[in-house]
Amino acid sequence: MSAMIDGIPNIAPPAGITGITNTIQAITPPVRPGQEEKATELGQVKDSAFGSLFTGLIQNVKDTDAEFTQAQYLLATGQLENPVQLGIAAYKNEIAVDLLIQMRNKALDAYNELKNMSV
C-alpha cells in the first residue's frame, strides 16, 4: 500500500510482536552520561539464569507469533494444505503468551515479597 493521503505516505505497520518490540526499541531514550552503570547492570542481568529465562520466553513468543502470522498468510493465499495448522499455531501462540505473563506475574510477586520483608 503505497497510496498517499494528503501528502503523507500510507505505511502499513509491522505485524505481530516483532513490530511492537521494534517500536519499543525505537522509542527508548539514549543512555545519558550518568547512566552507563545501569546499562552494564542490565547487561549482567541478561547474562544471569533469570535473565536468560525471560529472554528465552520472549523469543518463544516472537517465534510462535511469526509462525502464526505465516500460517495466516498461507491460509489467506490458499497455500495452506491443512487449515487445522492455523488453529494449532494460534493455540501455541496463546500458550506462549500466557506462560510469559504468568512468569512475569510470579516474578513481580516474588519481588514485592522481598521488597516488603523486614530485615
Protein backbone atom coordinates (compact mmCIF):
# COMPACT_ATOMS: atom_id res chain seq x y z
CA MET A 1 0.00 0.00 0.00
CA SER A 2 1.86 3.00 -1.20
CA ALA A 3 -1.15 5.30 -1.58
CA MET A 4 -0.69 8.85 -0.39
CA ILE A 5 -3.22 10.65 1.76
CA ASP A 6 -2.79 14.43 1.87
CA GLY A 7 0.90 14.09 1.01
CA ILE A 8 1.59 11.57 3.80
CA PRO A 9 2.62 8.11 2.66
CA ASN A 10 0.39 5.31 3.97
CA ILE A 11 2.85 2.88 5.53
CA ALA A 12 1.48 -0.38 6.92
CA PRO A 13 2.60 -1.10 10.49
CA PRO A 14 4.71 -4.19 11.07
CA ALA A 15 2.69 -7.25 12.06
CA GLY A 16 2.82 -9.10 15.35
CA ILE A 17 5.06 -8.93 18.39
CA THR A 18 8.10 -8.05 16.28
CA GLY A 19 6.52 -4.75 15.30
CA ILE A 20 5.78 -3.95 18.93
CA THR A 21 9.31 -4.68 20.12
CA ASN A 22 10.85 -2.73 17.23
CA THR A 23 8.66 0.24 18.11
CA ILE A 24 9.60 -0.02 21.80
CA GLN A 25 13.31 -0.20 20.92
CA ALA A 26 12.92 2.80 18.65
CA ILE A 27 11.46 4.97 21.44
CA THR A 28 13.90 4.02 24.18
CA PRO A 29 15.82 7.07 25.39
CA PRO A 30 19.55 7.25 24.74
CA VAL A 31 21.96 6.48 27.57
CA ARG A 32 22.95 9.63 29.46
CA PRO A 33 26.41 10.21 30.93
CA GLY A 34 25.38 9.12 34.45
CA GLN A 35 23.54 6.01 33.28
CA GLU A 36 26.41 3.88 31.95
CA GLU A 37 26.43 1.91 35.20
CA LYS A 38 22.75 0.97 34.81
CA ALA A 39 23.38 -0.20 31.26
CA THR A 40 26.14 -2.53 32.40
CA GLU A 41 23.93 -3.80 35.22
CA LEU A 42 21.20 -4.63 32.70
CA GLY A 43 23.76 -6.47 30.58
CA GLN A 44 24.69 -8.53 33.63
CA VAL A 45 21.03 -9.36 34.26
CA LYS A 46 20.67 -10.67 30.71
CA ASP A 47 23.62 -12.99 31.34
CA SER A 48 22.09 -14.40 34.54
CA ALA A 49 19.89 -17.50 34.66
CA PHE A 50 16.88 -15.31 35.46
CA GLY A 51 17.55 -13.02 32.51
CA SER A 52 18.17 -15.88 30.12
CA LEU A 53 14.88 -17.49 31.22
CA PHE A 54 12.90 -14.39 30.32
CA THR A 55 14.91 -13.85 27.15
CA GLY A 56 14.03 -17.40 26.11
CA LEU A 57 10.36 -16.88 26.92
CA ILE A 58 10.24 -13.64 24.94
CA GLN A 59 11.98 -15.31 22.00
CA ASN A 60 9.45 -18.16 22.19
CA VAL A 61 6.58 -15.66 21.99
CA LYS A 62 8.22 -13.98 18.98
CA ASP A 63 8.76 -17.32 17.24
CA THR A 64 5.21 -18.57 17.81
CA ASP A 65 3.81 -15.21 16.68
CA ALA A 66 5.85 -15.40 13.48
CA GLU A 67 4.64 -18.98 12.93
CA PHE A 68 1.02 -17.89 13.47
CA THR A 69 1.41 -14.93 11.11
CA GLN A 70 2.94 -17.19 8.47
CA ALA A 71 0.07 -19.68 8.82
CA GLN A 72 -2.44 -16.84 8.43
CA TYR A 73 -0.68 -15.67 5.28
CA LEU A 74 -0.57 -19.16 3.84
CA LEU A 75 -4.28 -19.67 4.56
CA ALA A 76 -5.19 -16.31 3.01
CA THR A 77 -3.25 -17.09 -0.15
CA GLY A 78 -4.58 -20.64 -0.40
CA GLN A 79 -1.21 -22.27 0.12
CA LEU A 80 -2.01 -23.92 3.47
CA GLU A 81 -2.73 -27.59 2.86
CA ASN A 82 -4.25 -28.29 6.28
CA PRO A 83 -6.30 -25.42 7.80
CA VAL A 84 -6.01 -27.05 11.22
CA GLN A 85 -2.38 -25.88 11.26
CA LEU A 86 -3.65 -22.32 11.69
CA GLY A 87 -5.59 -23.29 14.81
CA ILE A 88 -2.59 -25.15 16.20
CA ALA A 89 -0.30 -22.17 15.55
CA ALA A 90 -2.81 -19.82 17.21
CA TYR A 91 -3.07 -22.09 20.24
CA LYS A 92 0.72 -22.37 20.55
CA ASN A 93 0.99 -18.59 20.37
CA GLU A 94 -1.70 -18.16 23.03
CA ILE A 95 0.03 -20.63 25.36
CA ALA A 96 3.42 -18.93 24.88
CA VAL A 97 1.96 -15.51 25.72
CA ASP A 98 0.08 -16.89 28.74
CA LEU A 99 3.25 -18.56 30.04
CA LEU A 100 5.22 -15.32 29.68
CA ILE A 101 2.51 -13.37 31.52
CA GLN A 102 2.33 -15.95 34.33
CA MET A 103 6.11 -15.94 34.75
CA ARG A 104 6.13 -12.14 34.83
CA ASN A 105 3.39 -12.11 37.47
CA LYS A 106 5.23 -14.69 39.60
CA ALA A 107 8.47 -12.70 39.32
CA LEU A 108 6.69 -9.49 40.34
CA ASP A 109 5.03 -11.24 43.29
CA ALA A 110 8.40 -12.59 44.46
CA TYR A 111 9.99 -9.16 44.05
CA ASN A 112 7.22 -7.50 46.07
CA GLU A 113 7.58 -10.09 48.83
CA LEU A 114 11.32 -9.48 49.01
CA LYS A 115 10.80 -5.72 48.94
CA ASN A 116 8.32 -5.86 51.83
CA MET A 117 10.47 -8.11 54.03
CA SER A 118 11.73 -6.59 57.22
CA VAL A 119 15.37 -7.28 57.94
